[in-house]
């Protein structure tokens, strides 16, 4: 089912007893409308850097979760808006997951929250943000019951400080994955003649990061610049993995791919090439 309410565009898929689950559109839209109303009511708080937000007791659940995710990943640089799409996906998933479903996938503009009761193998494609087309790469997930998967990158829906084409993060929740993907992508920033930046407020007056220099153009890059940008992102991703904030991350830039998979990490997550015959020489 495709549902669009305000700024949220969701695709919801479910299975129960091996058959497609029929969602009631009015229920989905009504539930989503309440979540979006709560976010709108809290925007003055949610647009602050996470470290500035102290007392959350009076805030609605969606705001609390957004703040928690931003604080967990990097409260100094992130606002809770970095976790908004993933958090919304989480709440919609949890609302329906109690109905005996075998599988439930909520895709909020490319950020996913998944419930997989049996832990069966799932394959999720990685898209190219700039073109909107699928890449040759997919992520295989097995024996994982709850997870979030989010992608950030230059040219996506949100502004970024980095230059990566895509950064995909996997975590226990969509909120954590969303904040992590945003943060890791921000860390792929480099100083190069081909990288053009502008104050975020000049690009989008409604942004939650008005004073940040965001990327608005990426020209030709040398191999060295590409390696440096990906290395910066990978360093931050590895740090988040060591803190058990994420389970996996993969970064792509100009055809180069690096991942947090060193062969000793989560065996239930793997990057694969769709035709099954290629080897990625850039895969760490």
Protein backbone atom coordinates (compact mmCIF):
# COMPACT_ATOMS: atom_id res chain seq x y z
CA UNK A 1 0.00 0.00 0.00
CA UNK A 2 1.22 3.47 -0.88
CA UNK A 3 0.20 6.23 1.53
CA UNK A 4 1.00 9.91 1.27
CA UNK A 5 0.16 12.28 4.10
CA UNK A 6 1.79 15.70 4.16
CA UNK A 7 5.58 15.29 3.76
CA UNK A 8 5.47 11.53 4.41
CA UNK A 9 5.31 9.04 1.54
CA UNK A 10 5.08 5.47 2.83
CA UNK A 11 5.01 2.09 1.17
CA UNK A 12 3.74 -0.57 3.57
CA UNK A 13 3.90 -4.28 2.83
CA UNK A 14 2.80 -7.08 5.12
CA UNK A 15 2.30 -10.83 5.10
CA UNK A 16 0.27 -13.05 7.42
CA UNK A 17 0.20 -16.82 7.13
CA UNK A 18 2.00 -16.55 3.84
CA UNK A 19 -0.55 -14.19 2.28
CA UNK A 20 -0.50 -10.44 1.63
CA UNK A 21 -2.00 -8.52 4.54
CA UNK A 22 -4.76 -6.04 3.69
CA UNK A 23 -4.17 -2.74 5.47
CA UNK A 24 -7.05 -0.34 6.01
CA UNK A 25 -6.04 2.89 4.30
CA UNK A 26 -8.05 5.11 6.63
CA UNK A 27 -6.36 3.60 9.66
CA UNK A 28 -2.88 4.04 8.23
CA UNK A 29 -3.57 7.62 7.18
CA UNK A 30 -5.15 8.48 10.52
CA UNK A 31 -2.28 7.02 12.54
CA UNK A 32 0.29 8.72 10.35
CA UNK A 33 -1.51 12.07 10.60
CA UNK A 34 -1.29 11.97 14.40
CA UNK A 35 2.46 11.29 14.26
CA UNK A 36 3.04 14.14 11.82
CA UNK A 37 0.95 16.50 13.94
CA UNK A 38 3.07 15.68 16.98
CA UNK A 39 6.24 16.40 14.98
CA UNK A 40 4.88 19.74 13.74
CA UNK A 41 3.96 20.75 17.29
CA UNK A 42 7.54 20.04 18.45
CA UNK A 43 9.48 21.55 15.54
CA UNK A 44 11.03 24.40 17.60
CA UNK A 45 12.58 21.73 19.84
CA UNK A 46 13.41 19.19 17.14
CA UNK A 47 15.33 21.73 15.06
CA UNK A 48 17.85 22.31 17.84
CA UNK A 49 21.11 20.43 18.19
CA UNK A 50 20.36 17.35 20.28
CA UNK A 51 22.77 18.27 23.08
CA UNK A 52 20.69 21.39 23.82
CA UNK A 53 17.57 19.35 24.55
CA UNK A 54 17.45 18.35 28.20
CA UNK A 55 13.91 17.71 29.45
CA UNK A 56 11.86 15.46 27.16
CA UNK A 57 9.26 14.25 29.67
CA UNK A 58 6.41 16.34 28.24
CA UNK A 59 7.15 15.53 24.61
CA UNK A 60 5.20 12.99 22.49
CA UNK A 61 6.70 9.58 21.77
CA UNK A 62 7.84 10.41 18.25
CA UNK A 63 9.83 13.42 19.48
CA UNK A 64 11.41 11.44 22.32
CA UNK A 65 12.60 8.77 19.94
CA UNK A 66 14.01 11.26 17.45
CA UNK A 67 15.93 12.99 20.22
CA UNK A 68 17.19 9.70 21.63
CA UNK A 69 18.52 8.59 18.24
CA UNK A 70 20.29 11.89 17.55
CA UNK A 71 21.87 11.92 21.01
CA UNK A 72 22.99 8.32 20.64
CA UNK A 73 24.71 8.89 17.29
CA UNK A 74 26.22 12.37 17.73
CA UNK A 75 24.42 14.92 19.85
CA UNK A 76 26.93 17.70 19.10
CA UNK A 77 26.25 17.86 15.36
CA UNK A 78 22.84 16.31 14.78
CA UNK A 79 19.37 17.67 15.35
CA UNK A 80 16.58 15.16 16.02
CA UNK A 81 15.31 15.84 12.50
CA UNK A 82 18.14 13.60 11.34
CA UNK A 83 16.04 10.67 12.58
CA UNK A 84 12.57 11.78 11.54
CA UNK A 85 11.91 9.44 8.61
CA UNK A 86 13.21 6.35 10.38
CA UNK A 87 11.30 7.14 13.55
CA UNK A 88 8.02 7.53 11.69
CA UNK A 89 8.65 4.19 9.97
CA UNK A 90 9.34 2.55 13.34
CA UNK A 91 6.10 3.79 14.88
CA UNK A 92 3.99 2.67 11.93
CA UNK A 93 5.68 -0.74 11.98
CA UNK A 94 5.11 -1.20 15.70
CA UNK A 95 1.47 -0.24 15.36
CA UNK A 96 0.79 -3.14 12.98
CA UNK A 97 3.39 -5.70 14.10
CA UNK A 98 1.21 -6.87 16.99
CA UNK A 99 -1.39 -8.35 14.63
CA UNK A 100 0.31 -11.68 14.05
CA UNK A 101 2.06 -10.68 10.86
CA UNK A 102 4.93 -12.79 9.55
CA UNK A 103 6.57 -9.92 7.73
CA UNK A 104 6.09 -6.16 7.82
CA UNK A 105 8.11 -3.59 5.90
CA UNK A 106 7.54 0.15 6.18
CA UNK A 107 9.44 2.24 3.65
CA UNK A 108 9.32 5.96 4.40
CA UNK A 109 10.93 7.63 1.42
CA UNK A 110 13.74 5.08 1.33
CA UNK A 111 14.21 4.66 5.08
CA UNK A 112 12.94 1.29 6.25
CA UNK A 113 11.72 -0.32 9.43
CA UNK A 114 11.26 -4.09 9.16
CA UNK A 115 9.66 -6.79 11.30
CA UNK A 116 10.55 -10.31 10.18
CA UNK A 117 8.95 -12.83 12.54
CA UNK A 118 10.69 -15.92 11.15
CA UNK A 119 14.02 -14.28 10.39
CA UNK A 120 13.85 -15.57 6.83
CA UNK A 121 16.36 -14.26 4.31
CA UNK A 122 15.51 -10.88 2.82
CA UNK A 123 17.25 -8.96 0.06
CA UNK A 124 17.07 -5.17 -0.01
CA UNK A 125 18.40 -3.21 -2.95
CA UNK A 126 20.59 -0.11 -2.73
CA UNK A 127 19.37 2.67 -5.00
CA UNK A 128 21.28 5.51 -6.63
CA UNK A 129 20.00 8.71 -5.01
CA UNK A 130 21.00 10.91 -7.94
CA UNK A 131 19.32 8.82 -10.65
CA UNK A 132 16.62 7.04 -8.66
CA UNK A 133 17.68 3.79 -10.28
CA UNK A 134 18.82 0.54 -8.66
CA UNK A 135 22.52 -0.18 -8.30
CA UNK A 136 24.03 -3.66 -8.82
CA UNK A 137 24.34 -4.01 -5.05
CA UNK A 138 21.91 -5.55 -2.58
CA UNK A 139 22.11 -6.25 1.13
CA UNK A 140 21.14 -9.74 2.26
CA UNK A 141 19.62 -10.01 5.74
CA UNK A 142 19.01 -13.28 7.56
CA UNK A 143 17.98 -14.31 11.09
CA UNK A 144 17.16 -10.71 12.04
CA UNK A 145 13.69 -10.02 13.42
CA UNK A 146 13.67 -6.25 13.90
CA UNK A 147 15.85 -3.80 11.99
CA UNK A 148 16.06 -0.35 10.51
CA UNK A 149 17.81 0.52 7.26
CA UNK A 150 18.37 4.08 6.06
CA UNK A 151 20.24 5.76 3.24
CA UNK A 152 21.66 9.26 3.00
CA UNK A 153 23.66 10.90 0.25
CA UNK A 154 24.33 13.98 -1.82
CA UNK A 155 21.32 14.66 -4.01
CA UNK A 156 18.86 13.06 -1.61
CA UNK A 157 15.77 14.53 0.06
CA UNK A 158 17.78 16.15 2.83
CA UNK A 159 20.79 18.42 2.82
CA UNK A 160 24.17 16.89 3.59
CA UNK A 161 27.61 18.15 4.58
CA UNK A 162 29.25 15.23 2.78
CA UNK A 163 29.82 14.11 -0.78
CA UNK A 164 29.07 10.37 -0.72
CA UNK A 165 26.66 9.17 -3.37
CA UNK A 166 25.04 6.88 -0.82
CA UNK A 167 25.58 5.86 2.78
CA UNK A 168 23.36 3.01 3.96
CA UNK A 169 23.26 2.12 7.65
CA UNK A 170 21.58 -0.81 9.38
CA UNK A 171 20.63 -0.72 13.05
CA UNK A 172 18.12 -2.18 15.46
CA UNK A 173 15.65 0.64 14.69
CA UNK A 174 14.85 2.88 11.78
CA UNK A 175 15.48 5.91 13.99
CA UNK A 176 19.06 4.86 14.80
CA UNK A 177 19.75 3.87 11.19
CA UNK A 178 18.43 7.20 9.90
CA UNK A 179 20.51 9.30 12.30
CA UNK A 180 23.59 7.16 11.64
CA UNK A 181 23.30 7.36 7.84
CA UNK A 182 22.95 11.14 8.07
CA UNK A 183 25.96 11.45 10.37
CA UNK A 184 28.23 9.10 8.41
CA UNK A 185 27.38 10.85 5.15
CA UNK A 186 28.13 14.22 6.75
CA UNK A 187 31.56 12.87 7.64
CA UNK A 188 32.43 12.12 4.01
CA UNK A 189 33.19 15.81 3.55
CA UNK A 190 36.51 16.86 2.01
CA UNK A 191 38.07 20.11 0.84
CA UNK A 192 38.48 19.98 -2.94
CA UNK A 193 38.04 22.40 -5.82
CA UNK A 194 35.24 20.27 -7.22
CA UNK A 195 33.15 20.41 -4.02
CA UNK A 196 30.87 23.45 -3.76
CA UNK A 197 29.19 24.43 -0.50
CA UNK A 198 26.71 27.03 0.63
CA UNK A 199 25.02 27.98 3.90
CA UNK A 200 22.06 25.69 4.38
CA UNK A 201 19.69 28.59 5.08
CA UNK A 202 20.35 29.93 1.58
CA UNK A 203 19.45 26.58 0.05
CA UNK A 204 16.40 25.88 2.22
CA UNK A 205 15.11 28.58 4.61
CA UNK A 206 13.20 25.91 6.56
CA UNK A 207 16.24 23.73 7.26
CA UNK A 208 17.12 22.57 10.75
CA UNK A 209 20.83 23.27 10.10
CA UNK A 210 20.77 26.89 8.81
CA UNK A 211 24.35 27.74 9.75
CA UNK A 212 25.99 24.63 8.31
CA UNK A 213 27.87 24.65 5.00
CA UNK A 214 26.08 22.01 2.93
CA UNK A 215 27.14 20.45 -0.33
CA UNK A 216 25.42 21.81 -3.43
CA UNK A 217 27.78 20.53 -6.11
CA UNK A 218 30.42 17.85 -6.62
CA UNK A 219 32.60 18.08 -9.71
CA UNK A 220 35.49 15.89 -10.84
CA UNK A 221 37.33 14.14 -8.02
CA UNK A 222 40.73 12.50 -8.01
CA UNK A 223 41.09 8.94 -6.77
CA UNK A 224 42.85 10.29 -3.69
CA UNK A 225 39.93 12.58 -2.82
CA UNK A 226 37.49 9.71 -3.26
CA UNK A 227 39.55 7.46 -0.99
CA UNK A 228 39.81 10.20 1.66
CA UNK A 229 36.09 10.92 1.65
CA UNK A 230 35.17 7.25 2.00
CA UNK A 231 37.84 6.72 4.65
CA UNK A 232 36.38 9.56 6.74
CA UNK A 233 32.93 8.01 6.56
CA UNK A 234 34.20 4.52 7.27
CA UNK A 235 36.06 5.70 10.34
CA UNK A 236 32.87 7.13 11.81
CA UNK A 237 30.86 4.05 10.85
CA UNK A 238 33.39 1.77 12.54
CA UNK A 239 33.17 3.92 15.68
CA UNK A 240 29.37 3.58 15.73
CA UNK A 241 29.70 -0.18 15.31
CA UNK A 242 32.11 -0.42 18.23
CA UNK A 243 29.49 1.35 20.37
CA UNK A 244 26.83 -1.12 19.11
CA UNK A 245 24.79 1.75 17.68
CA UNK A 246 24.75 0.28 14.17
CA UNK A 247 25.23 -3.24 12.86
CA UNK A 248 26.51 -2.44 9.38
CA UNK A 249 27.20 0.39 6.94
CA UNK A 250 28.11 0.63 3.28
CA UNK A 251 29.31 3.79 1.49
CA UNK A 252 29.53 4.50 -2.22
CA UNK A 253 31.19 7.30 -4.18
CA UNK A 254 31.80 7.40 -7.92
CA UNK A 255 31.68 3.62 -8.29
CA UNK A 256 33.83 2.92 -5.23
CA UNK A 257 32.32 0.90 -2.38
CA UNK A 258 33.51 0.43 1.20
CA UNK A 259 31.76 -1.35 4.06
CA UNK A 260 32.22 -2.03 7.74
CA UNK A 261 32.36 -5.75 7.00
CA UNK A 262 35.84 -7.01 7.87
CA UNK A 263 34.81 -10.65 7.88
CA UNK A 264 34.46 -10.78 11.65
CA UNK A 265 31.26 -8.84 12.14
CA UNK A 266 27.57 -9.69 11.88
CA UNK A 267 27.32 -12.81 9.70
CA UNK A 268 23.62 -12.14 9.15
CA UNK A 269 24.26 -9.09 6.96
CA UNK A 270 26.13 -9.22 3.67
CA UNK A 271 26.63 -7.02 0.62
CA UNK A 272 26.05 -8.90 -2.62
CA UNK A 273 26.12 -8.17 -6.34
CA UNK A 274 22.83 -8.95 -8.04
CA UNK A 275 24.17 -11.10 -10.86
CA UNK A 276 26.19 -13.14 -8.37
CA UNK A 277 29.23 -13.30 -10.61
CA UNK A 278 31.00 -10.01 -9.99
CA UNK A 279 33.55 -9.17 -7.35
CA UNK A 280 33.85 -5.66 -6.00
CA UNK A 281 37.49 -4.77 -5.84
CA UNK A 282 36.68 -1.79 -3.63
CA UNK A 283 34.86 -3.85 -0.99
CA UNK A 284 36.77 -3.79 2.25
